[in-house]
Amino acid sequence: MKHILLPPIPPLILLIGLGLGLVQSLAACSKGPEGGAGNPAVAENATQPGARALPPTVNTATAATGHLPEGSVRLQRVQIMDRQGFDKPMVATTVLVPVGWQTQGGVVWGHQPQCSSSGYTMDFQAYSRDGLFGVHVFPGEQWQWSNQAGTPSTAGCPTLQITSIRQYLEAMTARARPGAQILDFRARPDIAQPLKQLEQYTPMPLGDMRTWVEAAEVLIGYQHEGRAMRETVAAAAVFSLMRMQGMAGMPSSEFLTGVTLPGFAMRAPDGELDFRLAELIRRSGQPNPQWQARIAQHNAKIASINLKGAQQRSQIIAQTGEEIRQMQADSWRKQSQSFDYLSRESSEAIRGVETYDDPYHGGTVQLDNSYRHAWQLNDGTYVLTDDTSFDPYAVLGQDGQQLRPSP
């Protein structure tokens, strides 16, 4: 049966971009990934040197299920690396993907260097061997817009009149998937909810400033090498709009800044897009606490530098220009806060996951709690299933143990 509409929203808080601590789709060919509904990823294997390799034992043309019983999926843990941000490469986060999928990309530094306040984002892909199935954590973006010509803006920031997440998703998917049709749209309040603390209304001299958060998901359809494809693309954005009353007969002024967090997409041939698997992968990220700590230090430093720069510039520009700069500084601060907040939330068990002891890798692992049973096989991979009689040796030819929730 072909997927036509997006499924109902589950009662879970889902974080986009795997939390950077993040949480940043796609159709490919047998030569490798075409890239996702974002920008092309940096060609880089995300497996840390020296890590245990997991054997690709499943035919990945149908790797989401393989030969498993219906309602089951076999997964491997892969690392998303930050190879450039600090003095040595670090694991930024781990994420679960179907066994045998290949990966590329990771944390990217220098994305929109003159516009983005954080200096980093995420561009990561995982995909089946034939490239038809895949997920993409795609980079966040930032833009500005004003109804006043010549209004001071941040050098290098694109000027776009995008004032809603729906407009952003329509523009982004059109750019990444020329000719694609939007088949369905839905707001995602569950994704926006963790960012609601950033929303505020601030009265200002002769005007005001409002900051709000929106999140949404679209289902798109397109052709790839003669094959009908479906892709679900989700993103969250923080908007800040400053309005100032006109003076001496002049019209009122508006200045907008938009920032998207790293987004998430999953693709598959028409009729084979598994929304449950998409949600599983989306919320499976487990950030590395050491990397989170380094990122928090970086964000605090950048926020301090940006605020100081805005204060210095305000001493030499007119009052209107000063308030615009102050709004920019506030946008920088809010973006830094949003990344920090996502990092904290992504490690908490409020995202529809259950925490289990992990005897193979050590420590714990968080797995989707919408499946009734969780297993770990002898090669370290995981099987999530609704089948109460699942026997790993009978199905996959190797032993395993059923995982129990951590106390």
Protein backbone atom coordinates (compact mmCIF):
# COMPACT_ATOMS: atom_id res chain seq x y z
CA MET A 1 0.00 0.00 0.00
CA LYS A 2 1.39 3.38 -0.94
CA HIS A 3 1.93 6.08 1.65
CA ILE A 4 -0.09 9.15 0.70
CA LEU A 5 -0.49 11.14 3.92
CA LEU A 6 1.65 11.60 6.97
CA PRO A 7 0.63 9.43 9.94
CA PRO A 8 -0.84 10.86 13.15
CA ILE A 9 1.59 12.56 15.51
CA PRO A 10 2.64 10.21 18.32
CA PRO A 11 2.42 11.57 21.88
CA LEU A 12 6.19 12.01 22.12
CA ILE A 13 8.63 14.88 22.23
CA LEU A 14 10.86 14.45 19.18
CA LEU A 15 14.04 16.43 18.74
CA ILE A 16 15.18 17.31 15.26
CA GLY A 17 18.81 17.04 14.29
CA LEU A 18 19.58 14.44 16.95
CA GLY A 19 20.24 17.28 19.27
CA LEU A 20 23.66 18.73 18.10
CA GLY A 21 24.14 17.44 20.96
CA LEU A 22 22.00 18.19 18.21
CA VAL A 23 19.55 17.12 16.56
CA GLN A 24 20.77 18.19 11.66
CA SER A 25 17.17 13.82 2.93
CA LEU A 26 17.79 12.26 0.07
CA ALA A 27 17.45 9.75 -3.14
CA ALA A 28 20.49 8.01 -4.31
CA CYS A 29 21.77 5.58 -6.86
CA SER A 30 23.93 2.50 -6.64
CA LYS A 31 27.02 4.66 -6.99
CA GLY A 32 26.37 6.25 -3.57
CA PRO A 33 24.11 8.87 -1.98
CA GLU A 34 22.72 11.66 -4.08
CA GLY A 35 22.40 13.81 -0.98
CA GLY A 36 19.34 14.81 0.95
CA ALA A 37 16.69 17.48 1.12
CA GLY A 38 19.36 19.78 2.47
CA ASN A 39 22.88 20.54 1.30
CA PRO A 40 25.23 17.76 0.12
CA ALA A 41 27.07 16.09 2.97
CA VAL A 42 30.84 16.07 3.31
CA ALA A 43 32.14 12.72 2.10
CA GLU A 44 33.47 11.19 5.29
CA ASN A 45 32.99 7.91 7.10
CA ALA A 46 31.53 8.54 10.53
CA THR A 47 33.03 5.47 12.19
CA GLN A 48 35.71 6.30 14.75
CA PRO A 49 39.15 4.76 14.07
CA GLY A 50 39.61 1.66 16.18
CA ALA A 51 35.89 1.13 16.77
CA ARG A 52 34.47 -2.36 16.37
CA ALA A 53 33.11 -2.85 12.87
CA LEU A 54 29.66 -4.38 12.61
CA PRO A 55 29.34 -6.91 9.78
CA PRO A 56 26.84 -5.94 7.06
CA THR A 57 24.94 -9.24 7.24
CA VAL A 58 21.56 -7.98 5.99
CA ASN A 59 20.46 -7.35 2.42
CA THR A 60 20.07 -3.58 2.69
CA ALA A 61 17.76 -3.18 -0.26
CA THR A 62 15.18 -3.95 2.46
CA ALA A 63 17.47 -3.31 5.41
CA ALA A 64 14.73 -1.77 7.54
CA THR A 65 13.30 -5.25 8.08
CA GLY A 66 15.49 -7.78 6.23
CA HIS A 67 14.16 -11.29 6.92
CA LEU A 68 12.85 -10.33 10.34
CA PRO A 69 9.21 -10.85 11.29
CA GLU A 70 6.80 -8.02 10.63
CA GLY A 71 7.06 -5.25 13.20
CA SER A 72 10.81 -5.78 13.72
CA VAL A 73 13.97 -3.91 12.80
CA ARG A 74 17.67 -4.70 13.22
CA LEU A 75 19.93 -1.77 14.06
CA GLN A 76 23.57 -0.87 14.53
CA ARG A 77 25.03 1.98 16.53
CA VAL A 78 27.13 4.43 14.46
CA GLN A 79 29.15 7.44 15.52
CA ILE A 80 28.69 10.99 14.26
CA MET A 81 32.10 12.64 14.48
CA ASP A 82 33.33 16.17 15.02
CA ARG A 83 36.74 16.06 13.33
CA GLN A 84 37.48 19.79 13.08
CA GLY A 85 36.06 21.70 16.02
CA PHE A 86 38.58 20.96 18.76
CA ASP A 87 42.13 19.83 19.36
CA LYS A 88 41.35 16.25 18.33
CA PRO A 89 38.46 14.39 16.67
CA MET A 90 35.59 13.67 19.03
CA VAL A 91 32.45 11.59 18.91
CA ALA A 92 29.63 14.13 18.92
CA THR A 93 26.78 11.67 19.22
CA THR A 94 25.79 8.14 18.31
CA VAL A 95 22.68 7.16 16.40
CA LEU A 96 20.97 3.90 15.45
CA VAL A 97 20.55 2.97 11.79
CA PRO A 98 19.61 -0.29 10.04
CA VAL A 99 22.39 -2.87 9.88
CA GLY A 100 24.54 -2.60 6.77
CA TRP A 101 23.78 1.05 6.03
CA GLN A 102 26.74 3.23 5.13
CA THR A 103 27.40 6.65 6.64
CA GLN A 104 29.09 9.91 5.71
CA GLY A 105 29.41 13.41 7.08
CA GLY A 106 29.29 14.67 10.64
CA VAL A 107 29.61 17.97 12.49
CA VAL A 108 30.52 20.74 10.06
CA TRP A 109 32.33 23.93 11.03
CA GLY A 110 32.34 27.11 8.96
CA HIS A 111 28.79 26.74 7.62
CA GLN A 112 27.51 30.27 6.81
CA PRO A 113 30.60 31.67 8.57
CA GLN A 114 29.56 35.33 8.34
CA CYS A 115 25.95 34.64 9.31
CA SER A 116 25.68 31.73 11.72
CA SER A 117 26.46 32.70 15.29
CA SER A 118 27.40 29.21 16.45
CA GLY A 119 29.98 28.43 13.78
CA TYR A 120 28.95 24.78 13.48
CA THR A 121 26.07 22.62 12.32
CA MET A 122 25.51 19.00 11.32
CA ASP A 123 25.44 17.32 7.92
CA PHE A 124 25.18 13.55 8.27
CA GLN A 125 23.75 10.80 6.08
CA ALA A 126 23.12 7.08 6.45
CA TYR A 127 21.88 5.05 3.51
CA SER A 128 21.38 1.53 2.17
CA ARG A 129 23.86 0.03 -0.26
CA ASP A 130 21.63 0.71 -3.24
CA GLY A 131 21.04 4.28 -2.04
CA LEU A 132 17.27 4.04 -2.28
CA PHE A 133 16.68 4.14 1.49
CA GLY A 134 18.33 6.74 3.68
CA VAL A 135 18.19 9.43 6.31
CA HIS A 136 19.81 12.86 6.40
CA VAL A 137 20.45 15.17 9.31
CA PHE A 138 20.79 18.34 7.27
CA PRO A 139 22.40 21.69 8.18
CA GLY A 140 20.58 24.48 9.93
CA GLU A 141 20.35 27.83 8.16
CA GLN A 142 19.99 31.51 9.03
CA TRP A 143 18.61 34.45 7.09
CA GLN A 144 17.45 38.05 7.55
CA TRP A 145 14.84 40.31 6.04
CA SER A 146 13.72 43.94 6.42
CA ASN A 147 11.02 46.03 4.79
CA GLN A 148 13.42 48.99 4.79
CA ALA A 149 15.95 49.24 1.97
CA GLY A 150 19.49 49.82 3.19
CA THR A 151 18.82 48.55 6.69
CA PRO A 152 22.07 47.31 8.31
CA SER A 153 22.33 43.52 8.19
CA THR A 154 24.91 40.88 8.96
CA ALA A 155 27.41 40.54 6.13
CA GLY A 156 27.07 37.20 4.40
CA CYS A 157 23.54 36.50 5.62
CA PRO A 158 21.02 35.85 2.84
CA THR A 159 18.04 38.18 2.59
CA LEU A 160 14.89 36.07 2.41
CA GLN A 161 11.27 36.94 3.21
CA ILE A 162 10.57 33.62 4.92
CA THR A 163 8.34 34.19 7.92
CA SER A 164 7.03 30.70 8.70
CA ILE A 165 8.32 27.15 8.89
CA ARG A 166 5.94 26.17 6.08
CA GLN A 167 7.52 28.74 3.77
CA TYR A 168 10.96 27.49 4.75
CA LEU A 169 10.16 23.83 4.05
CA GLU A 170 8.55 24.71 0.72
CA ALA A 171 11.59 26.77 -0.35
CA MET A 172 14.16 24.28 0.95
CA THR A 173 12.60 21.19 -0.64
CA ALA A 174 12.15 23.04 -3.96
CA ARG A 175 15.84 23.96 -3.86
CA ALA A 176 17.02 20.47 -2.92
CA ARG A 177 14.51 18.45 -4.96
CA PRO A 178 13.67 20.37 -8.13
CA GLY A 179 10.29 19.31 -9.42
CA ALA A 180 9.24 17.57 -6.20
CA GLN A 181 5.60 17.86 -5.15
CA ILE A 182 4.49 18.47 -1.57
CA LEU A 183 1.94 15.74 -0.88
CA ASP A 184 1.19 16.56 2.75
CA PHE A 185 2.03 19.10 5.44
CA ARG A 186 1.54 19.06 9.19
CA ALA A 187 2.65 21.22 12.07
CA ARG A 188 4.82 19.43 14.65
CA PRO A 189 4.08 21.02 18.04
CA ASP A 190 5.78 18.02 19.68
CA ILE A 191 9.06 19.06 18.06
CA ALA A 192 8.59 22.76 18.83
CA GLN A 193 7.68 22.19 22.48
CA PRO A 194 11.24 21.78 23.87
CA LEU A 195 12.13 25.18 22.37
CA LYS A 196 9.13 27.08 23.71
CA GLN A 197 11.22 28.59 26.50
CA LEU A 198 12.83 30.79 23.85
CA GLU A 199 9.56 32.49 23.00
CA GLN A 200 9.04 35.97 24.40
CA TYR A 201 7.56 39.37 23.74
CA THR A 202 9.65 42.45 24.57
CA PRO A 203 8.31 46.04 24.43
CA MET A 204 10.89 48.47 23.06
CA PRO A 205 11.03 52.23 22.55
CA LEU A 206 8.63 53.00 19.71
CA GLY A 207 8.07 49.33 18.98
CA ASP A 208 8.43 45.76 20.15
CA MET A 209 10.23 42.48 19.48
CA ARG A 210 8.64 39.03 19.33
CA THR A 211 10.42 35.67 19.26
CA TRP A 212 8.52 32.48 18.42
CA VAL A 213 9.20 28.87 17.48
CA GLU A 214 7.62 26.76 14.74
CA ALA A 215 8.19 23.17 13.66
CA ALA A 216 6.61 21.18 10.84
CA GLU A 217 6.99 18.21 8.52
CA VAL A 218 6.25 17.74 4.84
CA LEU A 219 5.91 14.63 2.71
CA ILE A 220 7.25 15.09 -0.81
CA GLY A 221 7.14 12.95 -3.92
CA TYR A 222 9.54 12.97 -6.86
CA GLN A 223 11.05 10.76 -9.55
CA HIS A 224 14.60 9.41 -9.34
CA GLU A 225 15.93 7.52 -12.35
CA GLY A 226 12.40 6.60 -13.36
CA ARG A 227 11.39 5.46 -9.88
CA ALA A 228 8.78 7.16 -7.72
CA MET A 229 10.25 8.25 -4.38
CA ARG A 230 8.76 9.52 -1.13
CA GLU A 231 10.56 11.60 1.49
CA THR A 232 9.53 13.02 4.84
CA VAL A 233 11.32 16.24 5.81
CA ALA A 234 11.03 17.96 9.20
CA ALA A 235 12.57 21.11 10.64
CA ALA A 236 12.23 23.58 13.52
CA ALA A 237 12.89 27.32 13.33
CA VAL A 238 13.27 30.24 15.72
CA PHE A 239 12.00 33.58 14.38
CA SER A 240 12.69 37.04 15.87
CA LEU A 241 10.75 40.02 14.50
CA MET A 242 11.33 43.62 15.56
CA ARG A 243 8.76 46.28 14.69
CA MET A 244 9.35 50.02 15.07
CA GLN A 245 6.85 52.82 14.60
CA GLY A 246 7.43 55.21 11.73
CA MET A 247 8.42 58.78 12.56
CA ALA A 248 7.76 62.04 10.73
CA GLY A 249 5.35 60.38 8.34
CA MET A 250 7.66 57.48 7.57
CA PRO A 251 6.27 53.93 7.41
CA SER A 252 6.91 51.48 10.23
CA SER A 253 10.03 49.32 10.10
CA GLU A 254 10.32 45.55 10.43
CA PHE A 255 13.46 43.46 10.81
CA LEU A 256 13.31 39.65 10.86
CA THR A 257 15.90 36.99 11.68
CA GLY A 258 15.18 33.32 11.04
CA VAL A 259 17.26 30.39 12.30
CA THR A 260 16.57 26.72 11.64
CA LEU A 261 18.04 23.94 13.73
CA PRO A 262 19.53 20.93 11.97
CA GLY A 263 16.63 19.10 10.34
CA PHE A 264 15.80 15.47 9.61
CA ALA A 265 14.64 13.65 6.50
CA MET A 266 14.09 10.06 5.42
CA ARG A 267 13.53 8.73 1.91
CA ALA A 268 12.36 5.45 0.35
CA PRO A 269 10.68 4.21 -2.82
CA ASP A 270 6.98 4.98 -3.00
CA GLY A 271 5.03 2.55 -0.82
CA GLU A 272 8.08 1.61 1.27
CA LEU A 273 8.62 4.70 3.44
CA ASP A 274 8.51 3.49 7.06
CA PHE A 275 7.42 6.40 9.26
CA ARG A 276 7.91 4.36 12.43
CA LEU A 277 11.53 3.69 11.50
CA ALA A 278 12.02 7.37 10.70
CA GLU A 279 10.86 8.35 14.16
CA LEU A 280 13.02 5.65 15.73
CA ILE A 281 16.17 6.97 14.03
CA ARG A 282 15.21 10.59 14.64
CA ARG A 283 15.12 10.19 18.41
CA SER A 284 17.90 7.61 18.83
CA GLY A 285 20.75 10.08 19.17
CA GLN A 286 22.83 9.86 22.34
CA PRO A 287 25.22 12.83 22.61
CA ASN A 288 28.71 12.40 23.99
CA PRO A 289 28.86 14.32 27.33
CA GLN A 290 32.49 15.34 26.74
CA TRP A 291 31.61 16.85 23.37
CA GLN A 292 28.56 18.55 24.84
CA ALA A 293 30.73 20.19 27.49
CA ARG A 294 33.17 21.53 24.87
CA ILE A 295 30.31 22.83 22.73
CA ALA A 296 28.72 24.57 25.74
CA GLN A 297 32.03 26.38 26.38
CA HIS A 298 32.25 27.36 22.72
CA ASN A 299 28.66 28.69 22.65
CA ALA A 300 29.21 30.76 25.80
CA LYS A 301 32.34 32.30 24.33
CA ILE A 302 30.69 33.12 21.00
CA ALA A 303 27.65 34.64 22.70
CA SER A 304 29.93 36.89 24.77
CA ILE A 305 31.90 38.01 21.72
CA ASN A 306 28.76 38.75 19.69
CA LEU A 307 27.16 40.72 22.50
CA LYS A 308 30.31 42.77 23.05
CA GLY A 309 30.56 43.50 19.33
CA ALA A 310 26.96 44.63 19.18
CA GLN A 311 27.52 46.96 22.13
CA GLN A 312 30.60 48.50 20.53
CA ARG A 313 28.84 49.06 17.22
CA SER A 314 25.87 50.64 18.93
CA GLN A 315 28.08 53.51 20.10
CA ILE A 316 28.66 54.73 16.56
CA ILE A 317 25.29 54.22 14.86
CA ALA A 318 21.92 55.88 15.12
CA GLN A 319 19.22 54.81 17.56
CA THR A 320 17.30 52.78 14.97
CA GLY A 321 20.45 51.00 13.86
CA GLU A 322 21.37 50.32 17.48
CA GLU A 323 18.08 48.59 18.18
CA ILE A 324 18.50 46.48 15.07
CA ARG A 325 21.93 45.45 16.29
CA GLN A 326 20.52 44.67 19.71
CA MET A 327 17.97 42.42 18.07
CA GLN A 328 20.75 40.68 16.17
CA ALA A 329 22.65 40.17 19.44
CA ASP A 330 19.49 38.77 20.99
CA SER A 331 19.11 36.41 18.03
CA TRP A 332 22.70 35.24 18.47
CA ARG A 333 22.05 34.62 22.16
CA LYS A 334 18.82 32.72 21.48
CA GLN A 335 20.45 30.50 18.87
CA SER A 336 23.20 29.64 21.34
CA GLN A 337 20.57 28.89 23.99
CA SER A 338 18.62 26.68 21.60
CA PHE A 339 21.64 24.50 20.86
CA ASP A 340 22.47 24.21 24.56
CA TYR A 341 18.87 23.36 25.40
CA LEU A 342 18.65 20.70 22.70
CA SER A 343 21.86 19.18 24.03
CA ARG A 344 20.41 18.87 27.51
CA GLU A 345 17.03 17.55 26.37
CA SER A 346 18.47 14.96 24.03
CA SER A 347 19.94 13.05 26.98
CA GLU A 348 16.68 12.80 28.93
CA ALA A 349 14.18 9.95 28.75
CA ILE A 350 11.25 12.08 27.56
CA ARG A 351 11.58 11.33 23.87
CA GLY A 352 9.79 8.02 23.63
CA VAL A 353 12.80 5.89 24.50
CA GLU A 354 13.66 3.29 27.13
CA THR A 355 17.12 3.01 28.68
CA TYR A 356 18.71 -0.45 28.74
CA ASP A 357 22.02 -1.81 30.01
CA ASP A 358 24.26 -2.51 27.00
CA PRO A 359 26.40 -5.61 27.68
CA TYR A 360 28.25 -5.47 24.34
CA HIS A 361 29.28 -1.80 24.14
CA GLY A 362 29.16 -1.12 27.86
CA GLY A 363 27.13 1.56 29.59
CA THR A 364 23.55 2.05 28.52
CA VAL A 365 21.61 2.51 25.30
CA GLN A 366 18.31 4.30 24.68
CA LEU A 367 15.97 2.42 22.34
CA ASP A 368 12.55 3.26 20.93
CA ASN A 369 9.88 2.27 23.45
CA SER A 370 7.14 1.78 20.86
CA TYR A 371 8.43 -1.78 20.27
CA ARG A 372 7.45 -4.44 22.81
CA HIS A 373 10.81 -6.21 23.02
CA ALA A 374 14.49 -5.28 22.65
CA TRP A 375 17.30 -7.74 21.91
CA GLN A 376 21.06 -7.47 21.49
CA LEU A 377 22.75 -10.00 19.23
CA ASN A 378 26.24 -11.42 19.74
CA ASP A 379 27.68 -9.02 17.14
CA GLY A 380 26.47 -5.99 19.11
CA THR A 381 23.54 -5.10 16.86
CA TYR A 382 20.04 -4.55 18.23
CA VAL A 383 16.68 -5.99 17.25
CA LEU A 384 13.48 -4.20 18.21
CA THR A 385 10.37 -6.26 17.68
CA ASP A 386 6.70 -6.65 18.55
CA ASP A 387 7.00 -10.45 18.15
CA THR A 388 6.77 -12.06 21.58
CA SER A 389 8.16 -15.36 20.22
CA PHE A 390 11.20 -13.86 18.45
CA ASP A 391 14.17 -16.29 18.39
CA PRO A 392 17.36 -14.60 17.10
CA TYR A 393 19.11 -17.87 16.25
CA ALA A 394 16.17 -19.25 14.30
CA VAL A 395 15.71 -16.01 12.37
CA LEU A 396 19.26 -14.65 11.97
CA GLY A 397 21.53 -17.57 12.78
CA GLN A 398 23.18 -16.09 15.85
CA ASP A 399 22.46 -15.96 19.53
CA GLY A 400 21.49 -12.90 21.50
CA GLN A 401 19.95 -11.81 24.76
CA GLN A 402 16.79 -9.94 25.52
CA LEU A 403 17.56 -6.56 27.05
CA ARG A 404 16.04 -5.42 30.30
CA PRO A 405 15.40 -1.80 31.24
CA SER A 406 18.04 -0.24 33.46
CA PRO A 407 16.92 0.14 37.09
